[in-house]
Amino acid sequence: QFWQTNRDLMMTRDELKEELKNTEGNPHMKARMRRRRTA
């Protein structure tokens, strides 16, 4: 059951990118904010 559950919860690369975008924010926006703080 542990193996089957972990297998069912595995993610595609698109899902992983989408989740990282939702949790950490848009990478382009973060880069722009980082450049602004540096300036």
PDB file of all heavy atoms in Angstrom:
ATOM      1  N   GLN A   1       0.829  -1.209   0.000  1.00  0.00           N
ATOM      2  CA  GLN A   1       0.000   0.000   0.000  1.00  0.00           C
ATOM      3  C   GLN A   1       0.862   1.257   0.000  1.00  0.00           C
ATOM      4  O   GLN A   1       0.525   2.250  -0.661  1.00  0.00           O
ATOM      5  CB  GLN A   1      -0.923  -0.004   1.233  1.00  0.00           C
ATOM      6  CG  GLN A   1      -1.931  -1.139   1.267  1.00  0.00           C
ATOM      7  CD  GLN A   1      -2.934  -1.068   0.123  1.00  0.00           C
ATOM      8  OE1 GLN A   1      -3.156  -0.004  -0.451  1.00  0.00           O
ATOM      9  NE2 GLN A   1      -3.533  -2.198  -0.200  1.00  0.00           N
ATOM     10  N   PHE A   2       1.962   1.230   0.733  1.00  0.00           N
ATOM     11  CA  PHE A   2       2.866   2.386   0.764  1.00  0.00           C
ATOM     12  C   PHE A   2       3.474   2.632  -0.615  1.00  0.00           C
ATOM     13  O   PHE A   2       3.539   3.766  -1.092  1.00  0.00           O
ATOM     14  CB  PHE A   2       3.969   2.135   1.800  1.00  0.00           C
ATOM     15  CG  PHE A   2       4.878   3.306   2.010  1.00  0.00           C
ATOM     16  CD1 PHE A   2       4.507   4.359   2.830  1.00  0.00           C
ATOM     17  CD2 PHE A   2       6.123   3.357   1.383  1.00  0.00           C
ATOM     18  CE1 PHE A   2       5.356   5.449   3.022  1.00  0.00           C
ATOM     19  CE2 PHE A   2       6.966   4.439   1.561  1.00  0.00           C
ATOM     20  CZ  PHE A   2       6.579   5.478   2.386  1.00  0.00           C
ATOM     21  N   TRP A   3       3.902   1.550  -1.269  1.00  0.00           N
ATOM     22  CA  TRP A   3       4.470   1.691  -2.609  1.00  0.00           C
ATOM     23  C   TRP A   3       3.422   2.183  -3.597  1.00  0.00           C
ATOM     24  O   TRP A   3       3.688   3.057  -4.431  1.00  0.00           O
ATOM     25  CB  TRP A   3       5.034   0.338  -3.054  1.00  0.00           C
ATOM     26  CG  TRP A   3       5.466   0.321  -4.486  1.00  0.00           C
ATOM     27  CD1 TRP A   3       6.641   0.783  -5.003  1.00  0.00           C
ATOM     28  CD2 TRP A   3       4.704  -0.174  -5.603  1.00  0.00           C
ATOM     29  NE1 TRP A   3       6.668   0.607  -6.362  1.00  0.00           N
ATOM     30  CE2 TRP A   3       5.494   0.023  -6.769  1.00  0.00           C
ATOM     31  CE3 TRP A   3       3.454  -0.768  -5.732  1.00  0.00           C
ATOM     32  CZ2 TRP A   3       5.063  -0.360  -8.028  1.00  0.00           C
ATOM     33  CZ3 TRP A   3       3.023  -1.139  -6.990  1.00  0.00           C
ATOM     34  CH2 TRP A   3       3.811  -0.934  -8.119  1.00  0.00           C
ATOM     35  N   GLN A   4       2.205   1.642  -3.538  1.00  0.00           N
ATOM     36  CA  GLN A   4       1.149   2.017  -4.463  1.00  0.00           C
ATOM     37  C   GLN A   4       0.725   3.466  -4.253  1.00  0.00           C
ATOM     38  O   GLN A   4       0.496   4.206  -5.225  1.00  0.00           O
ATOM     39  CB  GLN A   4      -0.059   1.091  -4.264  1.00  0.00           C
ATOM     40  CG  GLN A   4      -1.186   1.321  -5.258  1.00  0.00           C
ATOM     41  CD  GLN A   4      -0.787   0.989  -6.678  1.00  0.00           C
ATOM     42  OE1 GLN A   4      -0.282  -0.091  -6.941  1.00  0.00           O
ATOM     43  NE2 GLN A   4      -1.002   1.905  -7.597  1.00  0.00           N
ATOM     44  N   THR A   5       0.640   3.906  -2.997  1.00  0.00           N
ATOM     45  CA  THR A   5       0.242   5.284  -2.718  1.00  0.00           C
ATOM     46  C   THR A   5       1.285   6.264  -3.235  1.00  0.00           C
ATOM     47  O   THR A   5       0.952   7.287  -3.863  1.00  0.00           O
ATOM     48  CB  THR A   5       0.043   5.480  -1.216  1.00  0.00           C
ATOM     49  OG1 THR A   5      -0.948   4.557  -0.744  1.00  0.00           O
ATOM     50  CG2 THR A   5      -0.411   6.892  -0.908  1.00  0.00           C
ATOM     51  N   ASN A   6       2.563   5.988  -2.979  1.00  0.00           N
ATOM     52  CA  ASN A   6       3.616   6.873  -3.481  1.00  0.00           C
ATOM     53  C   ASN A   6       3.637   6.899  -5.009  1.00  0.00           C
ATOM     54  O   ASN A   6       3.919   7.934  -5.621  1.00  0.00           O
ATOM     55  CB  ASN A   6       4.977   6.420  -2.952  1.00  0.00           C
ATOM     56  CG  ASN A   6       5.137   6.725  -1.477  1.00  0.00           C
ATOM     57  OD1 ASN A   6       4.440   7.579  -0.935  1.00  0.00           O
ATOM     58  ND2 ASN A   6       6.042   6.033  -0.821  1.00  0.00           N
ATOM     59  N   ARG A   7       3.334   5.761  -5.611  1.00  0.00           N
ATOM     60  CA  ARG A   7       3.296   5.721  -7.074  1.00  0.00           C
ATOM     61  C   ARG A   7       2.132   6.555  -7.607  1.00  0.00           C
ATOM     62  O   ARG A   7       2.281   7.249  -8.622  1.00  0.00           O
ATOM     63  CB  ARG A   7       3.166   4.272  -7.530  1.00  0.00           C
ATOM     64  CG  ARG A   7       3.213   4.095  -9.041  1.00  0.00           C
ATOM     65  CD  ARG A   7       3.033   2.641  -9.433  1.00  0.00           C
ATOM     66  NE  ARG A   7       3.048   2.465 -10.877  1.00  0.00           N
ATOM     67  CZ  ARG A   7       2.811   1.311 -11.489  1.00  0.00           C
ATOM     68  NH1 ARG A   7       2.554   0.225 -10.765  1.00  0.00           N
ATOM     69  NH2 ARG A   7       2.831   1.235 -12.796  1.00  0.00           N
ATOM     70  N   ASP A   8       0.980   6.481  -6.944  1.00  0.00           N
ATOM     71  CA  ASP A   8      -0.170   7.272  -7.389  1.00  0.00           C
ATOM     72  C   ASP A   8       0.068   8.773  -7.229  1.00  0.00           C
ATOM     73  O   ASP A   8      -0.491   9.575  -7.977  1.00  0.00           O
ATOM     74  CB  ASP A   8      -1.417   6.861  -6.604  1.00  0.00           C
ATOM     75  CG  ASP A   8      -1.863   5.442  -6.939  1.00  0.00           C
ATOM     76  OD1 ASP A   8      -1.461   4.934  -8.006  1.00  0.00           O
ATOM     77  OD2 ASP A   8      -2.584   4.833  -6.127  1.00  0.00           O
ATOM     78  N   LEU A   9       0.872   9.146  -6.225  1.00  0.00           N
ATOM     79  CA  LEU A   9       1.093  10.564  -5.955  1.00  0.00           C
ATOM     80  C   LEU A   9       2.245  11.155  -6.753  1.00  0.00           C
ATOM     81  O   LEU A   9       2.521  12.353  -6.625  1.00  0.00           O
ATOM     82  CB  LEU A   9       1.364  10.770  -4.453  1.00  0.00           C
ATOM     83  CG  LEU A   9       0.183  10.492  -3.523  1.00  0.00           C
ATOM     84  CD1 LEU A   9       0.606  10.637  -2.084  1.00  0.00           C
ATOM     85  CD2 LEU A   9      -0.981  11.429  -3.832  1.00  0.00           C
ATOM     86  N   MET A  10       2.909  10.336  -7.549  1.00  0.00           N
ATOM     87  CA  MET A  10       3.996  10.874  -8.367  1.00  0.00           C
ATOM     88  C   MET A  10       3.456  11.915  -9.351  1.00  0.00           C
ATOM     89  O   MET A  10       2.272  11.894  -9.716  1.00  0.00           O
ATOM     90  CB  MET A  10       4.710   9.744  -9.110  1.00  0.00           C
ATOM     91  CG  MET A  10       5.533   8.835  -8.204  1.00  0.00           C
ATOM     92  SD  MET A  10       6.430   7.541  -9.103  1.00  0.00           S
ATOM     93  CE  MET A  10       7.642   8.527  -9.993  1.00  0.00           C
ATOM     94  N   MET A  11       4.322  12.811  -9.789  1.00  0.00           N
ATOM     95  CA  MET A  11       3.904  13.959 -10.579  1.00  0.00           C
ATOM     96  C   MET A  11       4.621  13.964 -11.930  1.00  0.00           C
ATOM     97  O   MET A  11       5.722  13.425 -12.068  1.00  0.00           O
ATOM     98  CB  MET A  11       4.227  15.259  -9.828  1.00  0.00           C
ATOM     99  CG  MET A  11       3.719  15.296  -8.404  1.00  0.00           C
ATOM    100  SD  MET A  11       4.342  16.704  -7.470  1.00  0.00           S
ATOM    101  CE  MET A  11       3.581  18.062  -8.356  1.00  0.00           C
ATOM    102  N   THR A  12       3.956  14.587 -12.894  1.00  0.00           N
ATOM    103  CA  THR A  12       4.608  14.838 -14.172  1.00  0.00           C
ATOM    104  C   THR A  12       5.498  16.078 -14.041  1.00  0.00           C
ATOM    105  O   THR A  12       5.402  16.827 -13.066  1.00  0.00           O
ATOM    106  CB  THR A  12       3.570  15.047 -15.277  1.00  0.00           C
ATOM    107  OG1 THR A  12       2.802  16.230 -14.972  1.00  0.00           O
ATOM    108  CG2 THR A  12       2.630  13.847 -15.365  1.00  0.00           C
ATOM    109  N   ARG A  13       6.335  16.289 -15.031  1.00  0.00           N
ATOM    110  CA  ARG A  13       7.207  17.459 -14.984  1.00  0.00           C
ATOM    111  C   ARG A  13       6.409  18.758 -15.067  1.00  0.00           C
ATOM    112  O   ARG A  13       6.759  19.760 -14.430  1.00  0.00           O
ATOM    113  CB  ARG A  13       8.221  17.391 -16.127  1.00  0.00           C
ATOM    114  CG  ARG A  13       9.229  16.259 -15.983  1.00  0.00           C
ATOM    115  CD  ARG A  13      10.255  16.289 -17.090  1.00  0.00           C
ATOM    116  NE  ARG A  13      11.231  15.218 -16.925  1.00  0.00           N
ATOM    117  CZ  ARG A  13      12.242  15.002 -17.748  1.00  0.00           C
ATOM    118  NH1 ARG A  13      12.396  15.777 -18.822  1.00  0.00           N
ATOM    119  NH2 ARG A  13      13.094  14.009 -17.523  1.00  0.00           N
ATOM    120  N   ASP A  14       5.336  18.730 -15.853  1.00  0.00           N
ATOM    121  CA  ASP A  14       4.493  19.925 -15.940  1.00  0.00           C
ATOM    122  C   ASP A  14       3.823  20.221 -14.604  1.00  0.00           C
ATOM    123  O   ASP A  14       3.735  21.384 -14.187  1.00  0.00           O
ATOM    124  CB  ASP A  14       3.437  19.735 -17.028  1.00  0.00           C
ATOM    125  CG  ASP A  14       4.049  19.682 -18.425  1.00  0.00           C
ATOM    126  OD1 ASP A  14       5.201  20.138 -18.574  1.00  0.00           O
ATOM    127  OD2 ASP A  14       3.385  19.168 -19.356  1.00  0.00           O
ATOM    128  N   GLU A  15       3.334  19.179 -13.915  1.00  0.00           N
ATOM    129  CA  GLU A  15       2.720  19.386 -12.607  1.00  0.00           C
ATOM    130  C   GLU A  15       3.731  19.912 -11.607  1.00  0.00           C
ATOM    131  O   GLU A  15       3.413  20.774 -10.776  1.00  0.00           O
ATOM    132  CB  GLU A  15       2.120  18.074 -12.102  1.00  0.00           C
ATOM    133  CG  GLU A  15       0.900  17.606 -12.887  1.00  0.00           C
ATOM    134  CD  GLU A  15       0.412  16.242 -12.429  1.00  0.00           C
ATOM    135  OE1 GLU A  15       1.189  15.521 -11.767  1.00  0.00           O
ATOM    136  OE2 GLU A  15      -0.739  15.895 -12.744  1.00  0.00           O
ATOM    137  N   LEU A  16       4.962  19.396 -11.665  1.00  0.00           N
ATOM    138  CA  LEU A  16       5.996  19.860 -10.750  1.00  0.00           C
ATOM    139  C   LEU A  16       6.333  21.325 -10.996  1.00  0.00           C
ATOM    140  O   LEU A  16       6.454  22.119 -10.053  1.00  0.00           O
ATOM    141  CB  LEU A  16       7.242  18.992 -10.906  1.00  0.00           C
ATOM    142  CG  LEU A  16       8.403  19.296  -9.958  1.00  0.00           C
ATOM    143  CD1 LEU A  16       7.982  19.108  -8.516  1.00  0.00           C
ATOM    144  CD2 LEU A  16       9.599  18.421 -10.281  1.00  0.00           C
ATOM    145  N   LYS A  17       6.448  21.712 -12.258  1.00  0.00           N
ATOM    146  CA  LYS A  17       6.736  23.109 -12.579  1.00  0.00           C
ATOM    147  C   LYS A  17       5.589  24.017 -12.137  1.00  0.00           C
ATOM    148  O   LYS A  17       5.817  25.110 -11.608  1.00  0.00           O
ATOM    149  CB  LYS A  17       6.977  23.253 -14.087  1.00  0.00           C
ATOM    150  CG  LYS A  17       8.252  22.584 -14.570  1.00  0.00           C
ATOM    151  CD  LYS A  17       8.401  22.753 -16.082  1.00  0.00           C
ATOM    152  CE  LYS A  17       9.662  22.077 -16.590  1.00  0.00           C
ATOM    153  NZ  LYS A  17       9.806  22.195 -18.068  1.00  0.00           N
ATOM    154  N   GLU A  18       4.364  23.560 -12.359  1.00  0.00           N
ATOM    155  CA  GLU A  18       3.207  24.373 -11.969  1.00  0.00           C
ATOM    156  C   GLU A  18       3.138  24.553 -10.462  1.00  0.00           C
ATOM    157  O   GLU A  18       2.841  25.647  -9.968  1.00  0.00           O
ATOM    158  CB  GLU A  18       1.926  23.711 -12.492  1.00  0.00           C
ATOM    159  CG  GLU A  18       0.666  24.529 -12.259  1.00  0.00           C
ATOM    160  CD  GLU A  18       0.637  25.800 -13.093  1.00  0.00           C
ATOM    161  OE1 GLU A  18       1.333  25.852 -14.140  1.00  0.00           O
ATOM    162  OE2 GLU A  18      -0.065  26.745 -12.696  1.00  0.00           O
ATOM    163  N   GLU A  19       3.427  23.496  -9.722  1.00  0.00           N
ATOM    164  CA  GLU A  19       3.383  23.600  -8.259  1.00  0.00           C
ATOM    165  C   GLU A  19       4.495  24.493  -7.732  1.00  0.00           C
ATOM    166  O   GLU A  19       4.282  25.291  -6.818  1.00  0.00           O
ATOM    167  CB  GLU A  19       3.489  22.212  -7.625  1.00  0.00           C
ATOM    168  CG  GLU A  19       3.407  22.246  -6.116  1.00  0.00           C
ATOM    169  CD  GLU A  19       3.137  20.893  -5.523  1.00  0.00           C
ATOM    170  OE1 GLU A  19       2.391  20.111  -6.135  1.00  0.00           O
ATOM    171  OE2 GLU A  19       3.676  20.608  -4.451  1.00  0.00           O
ATOM    172  N   LEU A  20       5.688  24.360  -8.311  1.00  0.00           N
ATOM    173  CA  LEU A  20       6.778  25.236  -7.896  1.00  0.00           C
ATOM    174  C   LEU A  20       6.449  26.691  -8.204  1.00  0.00           C
ATOM    175  O   LEU A  20       6.786  27.592  -7.432  1.00  0.00           O
ATOM    176  CB  LEU A  20       8.072  24.826  -8.605  1.00  0.00           C
ATOM    177  CG  LEU A  20       8.679  23.487  -8.174  1.00  0.00           C
ATOM    178  CD1 LEU A  20       9.907  23.164  -9.018  1.00  0.00           C
ATOM    179  CD2 LEU A  20       9.038  23.497  -6.695  1.00  0.00           C
ATOM    180  N   LYS A  21       5.772  26.912  -9.325  1.00  0.00           N
ATOM    181  CA  LYS A  21       5.379  28.275  -9.664  1.00  0.00           C
ATOM    182  C   LYS A  21       4.365  28.816  -8.666  1.00  0.00           C
ATOM    183  O   LYS A  21       4.411  29.986  -8.268  1.00  0.00           O
ATOM    184  CB  LYS A  21       4.806  28.312 -11.084  1.00  0.00           C
ATOM    185  CG  LYS A  21       4.450  29.712 -11.572  1.00  0.00           C
ATOM    186  CD  LYS A  21       3.755  29.665 -12.913  1.00  0.00           C
ATOM    187  CE  LYS A  21       4.669  29.102 -13.989  1.00  0.00           C
ATOM    188  NZ  LYS A  21       4.035  29.139 -15.322  1.00  0.00           N
ATOM    189  N   ASN A  22       3.421  27.973  -8.238  1.00  0.00           N
ATOM    190  CA  ASN A  22       2.396  28.413  -7.301  1.00  0.00           C
ATOM    191  C   ASN A  22       2.946  28.617  -5.907  1.00  0.00           C
ATOM    192  O   ASN A  22       2.481  29.497  -5.172  1.00  0.00           O
ATOM    193  CB  ASN A  22       1.255  27.393  -7.257  1.00  0.00           C
ATOM    194  CG  ASN A  22       0.515  27.321  -8.577  1.00  0.00           C
ATOM    195  OD1 ASN A  22       0.468  28.294  -9.327  1.00  0.00           O
ATOM    196  ND2 ASN A  22      -0.078  26.169  -8.873  1.00  0.00           N
ATOM    197  N   THR A  23       3.900  27.781  -5.497  1.00  0.00           N
ATOM    198  CA  THR A  23       4.429  27.874  -4.132  1.00  0.00           C
ATOM    199  C   THR A  23       5.515  28.931  -4.011  1.00  0.00           C
ATOM    200  O   THR A  23       5.572  29.665  -3.027  1.00  0.00           O
ATOM    201  CB  THR A  23       4.987  26.517  -3.691  1.00  0.00           C
ATOM    202  OG1 THR A  23       5.951  26.053  -4.652  1.00  0.00           O
ATOM    203  CG2 THR A  23       3.879  25.505  -3.563  1.00  0.00           C
ATOM    204  N   GLU A  24       6.392  29.018  -4.990  1.00  0.00           N
ATOM    205  CA  GLU A  24       7.516  29.935  -4.895  1.00  0.00           C
ATOM    206  C   GLU A  24       7.328  31.202  -5.725  1.00  0.00           C
ATOM    207  O   GLU A  24       8.142  32.113  -5.662  1.00  0.00           O
ATOM    208  CB  GLU A  24       8.802  29.231  -5.349  1.00  0.00           C
ATOM    209  CG  GLU A  24       9.139  28.006  -4.495  1.00  0.00           C
ATOM    210  CD  GLU A  24      10.408  27.338  -4.958  1.00  0.00           C
ATOM    211  OE1 GLU A  24      11.026  27.869  -5.906  1.00  0.00           O
ATOM    212  OE2 GLU A  24      10.776  26.306  -4.369  1.00  0.00           O
ATOM    213  N   GLY A  25       6.261  31.255  -6.520  1.00  0.00           N
ATOM    214  CA  GLY A  25       6.030  32.422  -7.347  1.00  0.00           C
ATOM    215  C   GLY A  25       6.586  32.248  -8.742  1.00  0.00           C
ATOM    216  O   GLY A  25       7.363  31.343  -9.032  1.00  0.00           O
ATOM    217  N   ASN A  26       6.191  33.144  -9.614  1.00  0.00           N
ATOM    218  CA  ASN A  26       6.655  33.114 -10.997  1.00  0.00           C
ATOM    219  C   ASN A  26       8.158  33.400 -11.041  1.00  0.00           C
ATOM    220  O   ASN A  26       8.615  34.420 -10.515  1.00  0.00           O
ATOM    221  CB  ASN A  26       5.904  34.167 -11.810  1.00  0.00           C
ATOM    222  CG  ASN A  26       6.113  33.972 -13.296  1.00  0.00           C
ATOM    223  OD1 ASN A  26       7.223  33.742 -13.738  1.00  0.00           O
ATOM    224  ND2 ASN A  26       5.035  34.088 -14.057  1.00  0.00           N
ATOM    225  N   PRO A  27       8.962  32.546 -11.683  1.00  0.00           N
ATOM    226  CA  PRO A  27      10.418  32.772 -11.714  1.00  0.00           C
ATOM    227  C   PRO A  27      10.801  34.101 -12.359  1.00  0.00           C
ATOM    228  O   PRO A  27      11.741  34.761 -11.919  1.00  0.00           O
ATOM    229  CB  PRO A  27      10.947  31.582 -12.523  1.00  0.00           C
ATOM    230  CG  PRO A  27       9.878  30.548 -12.454  1.00  0.00           C
ATOM    231  CD  PRO A  27       8.589  31.273 -12.327  1.00  0.00           C
ATOM    232  N   HIS A  28      10.085  34.499 -13.409  1.00  0.00           N
ATOM    233  CA  HIS A  28      10.397  35.768 -14.068  1.00  0.00           C
ATOM    234  C   HIS A  28      10.101  36.946 -13.144  1.00  0.00           C
ATOM    235  O   HIS A  28      10.874  37.912 -13.075  1.00  0.00           O
ATOM    236  CB  HIS A  28       9.595  35.898 -15.364  1.00  0.00           C
ATOM    237  CG  HIS A  28       9.866  34.799 -16.347  1.00  0.00           C
ATOM    238  ND1 HIS A  28      11.061  34.687 -17.035  1.00  0.00           N
ATOM    239  CD2 HIS A  28       9.118  33.728 -16.745  1.00  0.00           C
ATOM    240  CE1 HIS A  28      11.029  33.634 -17.825  1.00  0.00           C
ATOM    241  NE2 HIS A  28       9.866  33.025 -17.674  1.00  0.00           N
ATOM    242  N   MET A  29       8.983  36.863 -12.420  1.00  0.00           N
ATOM    243  CA  MET A  29       8.655  37.926 -11.485  1.00  0.00           C
ATOM    244  C   MET A  29       9.671  37.992 -10.355  1.00  0.00           C
ATOM    245  O   MET A  29      10.080  39.077  -9.917  1.00  0.00           O
ATOM    246  CB  MET A  29       7.245  37.697 -10.926  1.00  0.00           C
ATOM    247  CG  MET A  29       6.766  38.795  -9.994  1.00  0.00           C
ATOM    248  SD  MET A  29       6.593  40.385 -10.843  1.00  0.00           S
ATOM    249  CE  MET A  29       5.195  40.010 -11.912  1.00  0.00           C
ATOM    250  N   LYS A  30      10.092  36.814  -9.869  1.00  0.00           N
ATOM    251  CA  LYS A  30      11.083  36.786  -8.800  1.00  0.00           C
ATOM    252  C   LYS A  30      12.407  37.369  -9.271  1.00  0.00           C
ATOM    253  O   LYS A  30      13.071  38.104  -8.530  1.00  0.00           O
ATOM    254  CB  LYS A  30      11.284  35.352  -8.318  1.00  0.00           C
ATOM    255  CG  LYS A  30      10.105  34.768  -7.555  1.00  0.00           C
ATOM    256  CD  LYS A  30      10.390  33.373  -7.102  1.00  0.00           C
ATOM    257  CE  LYS A  30      11.546  33.323  -6.140  1.00  0.00           C
ATOM    258  NZ  LYS A  30      11.805  31.971  -5.639  1.00  0.00           N
ATOM    259  N   ALA A  31      12.801  37.041 -10.506  1.00  0.00           N
ATOM    260  CA  ALA A  31      14.053  37.586 -11.023  1.00  0.00           C
ATOM    261  C   ALA A  31      13.972  39.107 -11.166  1.00  0.00           C
ATOM    262  O   ALA A  31      14.937  39.828 -10.864  1.00  0.00           O
ATOM    263  CB  ALA A  31      14.374  36.946 -12.372  1.00  0.00           C
ATOM    264  N   ARG A  32      12.808  39.611 -11.619  1.00  0.00           N
ATOM    265  CA  ARG A  32      12.651  41.051 -11.758  1.00  0.00           C
ATOM    266  C   ARG A  32      12.707  41.742 -10.390  1.00  0.00           C
ATOM    267  O   ARG A  32      13.347  42.781 -10.238  1.00  0.00           O
ATOM    268  CB  ARG A  32      11.322  41.353 -12.437  1.00  0.00           C
ATOM    269  CG  ARG A  32      11.250  42.808 -12.852  1.00  0.00           C
ATOM    270  CD  ARG A  32       9.945  43.224 -13.473  1.00  0.00           C
ATOM    271  NE  ARG A  32       9.075  42.175 -13.921  1.00  0.00           N
ATOM    272  CZ  ARG A  32       7.883  42.388 -14.457  1.00  0.00           C
ATOM    273  NH1 ARG A  32       7.467  43.620 -14.619  1.00  0.00           N
ATOM    274  NH2 ARG A  32       7.121  41.398 -14.827  1.00  0.00           N
ATOM    275  N   MET A  33      12.051  41.145  -9.382  1.00  0.00           N
ATOM    276  CA  MET A  33      12.094  41.720  -8.042  1.00  0.00           C
ATOM    277  C   MET A  33      13.515  41.672  -7.475  1.00  0.00           C
ATOM    278  O   MET A  33      13.953  42.608  -6.788  1.00  0.00           O
ATOM    279  CB  MET A  33      11.139  40.952  -7.135  1.00  0.00           C
ATOM    280  CG  MET A  33       9.666  41.087  -7.503  1.00  0.00           C
ATOM    281  SD  MET A  33       9.069  42.781  -7.359  1.00  0.00           S
ATOM    282  CE  MET A  33       9.209  43.040  -5.595  1.00  0.00           C
ATOM    283  N   ARG A  34      14.242  40.586  -7.761  1.00  0.00           N
ATOM    284  CA  ARG A  34      15.610  40.479  -7.278  1.00  0.00           C
ATOM    285  C   ARG A  34      16.496  41.540  -7.930  1.00  0.00           C
ATOM    286  O   ARG A  34      17.330  42.160  -7.253  1.00  0.00           O
ATOM    287  CB  ARG A  34      16.141  39.076  -7.567  1.00  0.00           C
ATOM    288  CG  ARG A  34      17.505  38.821  -6.965  1.00  0.00           C
ATOM    289  CD  ARG A  34      17.831  37.338  -6.934  1.00  0.00           C
ATOM    290  NE  ARG A  34      17.652  36.722  -8.233  1.00  0.00           N
ATOM    291  CZ  ARG A  34      16.690  35.850  -8.526  1.00  0.00           C
ATOM    292  NH1 ARG A  34      15.805  35.516  -7.599  1.00  0.00           N
ATOM    293  NH2 ARG A  34      16.603  35.307  -9.735  1.00  0.00           N
ATOM    294  N   ARG A  35      16.310  41.783  -9.229  1.00  0.00           N
ATOM    295  CA  ARG A  35      17.084  42.832  -9.896  1.00  0.00           C
ATOM    296  C   ARG A  35      16.740  44.209  -9.340  1.00  0.00           C
ATOM    297  O   ARG A  35      17.630  45.066  -9.200  1.00  0.00           O
ATOM    298  CB  ARG A  35      16.824  42.779 -11.404  1.00  0.00           C
ATOM    299  CG  ARG A  35      17.441  41.575 -12.102  1.00  0.00           C
ATOM    300  CD  ARG A  35      17.430  41.776 -13.612  1.00  0.00           C
ATOM    301  NE  ARG A  35      16.075  41.892 -14.127  1.00  0.00           N
ATOM    302  CZ  ARG A  35      15.363  40.877 -14.577  1.00  0.00           C
ATOM    303  NH1 ARG A  35      15.866  39.644 -14.551  1.00  0.00           N
ATOM    304  NH2 ARG A  35      14.140  41.060 -15.046  1.00  0.00           N
ATOM    305  N   ARG A  36      15.467  44.382  -9.027  1.00  0.00           N
ATOM    306  CA  ARG A  36      15.061  45.682  -8.481  1.00  0.00           C
ATOM    307  C   ARG A  36      15.672  45.913  -7.106  1.00  0.00           C
ATOM    308  O   ARG A  36      16.159  47.025  -6.813  1.00  0.00           O
ATOM    309  CB  ARG A  36      13.536  45.742  -8.399  1.00  0.00           C
ATOM    310  CG  ARG A  36      12.996  47.089  -7.948  1.00  0.00           C
ATOM    311  CD  ARG A  36      11.487  47.090  -7.974  1.00  0.00           C
ATOM    312  NE  ARG A  36      10.951  48.375  -7.542  1.00  0.00           N
ATOM    313  CZ  ARG A  36       9.652  48.648  -7.444  1.00  0.00           C
ATOM    314  NH1 ARG A  36       8.762  47.713  -7.786  1.00  0.00           N
ATOM    315  NH2 ARG A  36       9.249  49.832  -7.045  1.00  0.00           N
ATOM    316  N   ARG A  37      15.677  44.884  -6.265  1.00  0.00           N
ATOM    317  CA  ARG A  37      16.283  45.023  -4.932  1.00  0.00           C
ATOM    318  C   ARG A  37      17.785  45.271  -5.050  1.00  0.00           C
ATOM    319  O   ARG A  37      18.358  46.076  -4.303  1.00  0.00           O
ATOM    320  CB  ARG A  37      16.016  43.775  -4.099  1.00  0.00           C
ATOM    321  CG  ARG A  37      14.577  43.634  -3.642  1.00  0.00           C
ATOM    322  CD  ARG A  37      14.472  42.573  -2.563  1.00  0.00           C
ATOM    323  NE  ARG A  37      14.886  41.265  -3.058  1.00  0.00           N
ATOM    324  CZ  ARG A  37      14.049  40.367  -3.552  1.00  0.00           C
ATOM    325  NH1 ARG A  37      12.757  40.653  -3.651  1.00  0.00           N
ATOM    326  NH2 ARG A  37      14.485  39.204  -3.976  1.00  0.00           N
ATOM    327  N   THR A  38      18.424  44.593  -6.013  1.00  0.00           N
ATOM    328  CA  THR A  38      19.855  44.795  -6.209  1.00  0.00           C
ATOM    329  C   THR A  38      20.151  46.222  -6.651  1.00  0.00           C
ATOM    330  O   THR A  38      21.116  46.861  -6.183  1.00  0.00           O
ATOM    331  CB  THR A  38      20.390  43.797  -7.242  1.00  0.00           C
ATOM    332  OG1 THR A  38      20.111  42.463  -6.805  1.00  0.00           O
ATOM    333  CG2 THR A  38      21.890  43.959  -7.422  1.00  0.00           C
ATOM    334  N   ALA A  39      19.318  46.752  -7.544  1.00  0.00           N
ATOM    335  CA  ALA A  39      19.522  48.125  -8.021  1.00  0.00           C
ATOM    336  C   ALA A  39      19.358  49.130  -6.889  1.00  0.00           C
ATOM    337  O   ALA A  39      20.129  50.097  -6.779  1.00  0.00           O
ATOM    338  CB  ALA A  39      18.535  48.431  -9.151  1.00  0.00           C
TER     339      ALA A  39
END
